[in-house]
């Protein structure tokens, strides 16, 4: 397992693009998804 699925990555990037900053909760959510 090197990288998550492209679709997952794209979904995360789209989600981030909707936010102007990087909320801590969003960071944690991404970290959780990375840890799987």
Protein backbone atom coordinates (compact mmCIF):
# COMPACT_ATOMS: atom_id res chain seq x y z
CA UNK A 1 0.00 0.00 0.00
CA UNK A 2 1.88 3.07 -1.23
CA UNK A 3 -0.88 5.59 -1.95
CA UNK A 4 -4.65 5.64 -1.49
CA UNK A 5 -6.90 5.20 -4.48
CA UNK A 6 -6.82 8.15 -6.94
CA UNK A 7 -10.55 8.60 -6.42
CA UNK A 8 -10.06 8.90 -2.67
CA UNK A 9 -7.28 11.43 -3.17
CA UNK A 10 -9.37 13.43 -5.63
CA UNK A 11 -12.31 13.38 -3.23
CA UNK A 12 -10.10 14.73 -0.44
CA UNK A 13 -8.69 17.46 -2.67
CA UNK A 14 -12.18 18.48 -3.75
CA UNK A 15 -13.22 18.58 -0.12
CA UNK A 16 -10.22 20.74 0.76
CA UNK A 17 -10.83 23.11 -2.14
CA UNK A 18 -14.22 23.93 -0.59
CA UNK A 19 -12.49 25.17 2.56
CA UNK A 20 -10.39 28.33 2.64
CA UNK A 21 -8.06 27.07 5.33
CA UNK A 22 -6.95 23.80 6.86
CA UNK A 23 -9.21 23.24 9.89
CA UNK A 24 -7.62 20.96 12.50
CA UNK A 25 -10.64 18.67 12.29
CA UNK A 26 -10.10 18.31 8.55
CA UNK A 27 -6.41 17.54 9.09
CA UNK A 28 -7.32 14.86 11.62
CA UNK A 29 -9.91 13.39 9.26
CA UNK A 30 -7.30 13.09 6.51
CA UNK A 31 -4.80 11.56 8.92
CA UNK A 32 -7.39 9.00 9.98
CA UNK A 33 -8.08 8.11 6.35
CA UNK A 34 -4.35 7.76 5.70
CA UNK A 35 -3.99 5.40 8.65
CA UNK A 36 -7.01 3.51 7.32
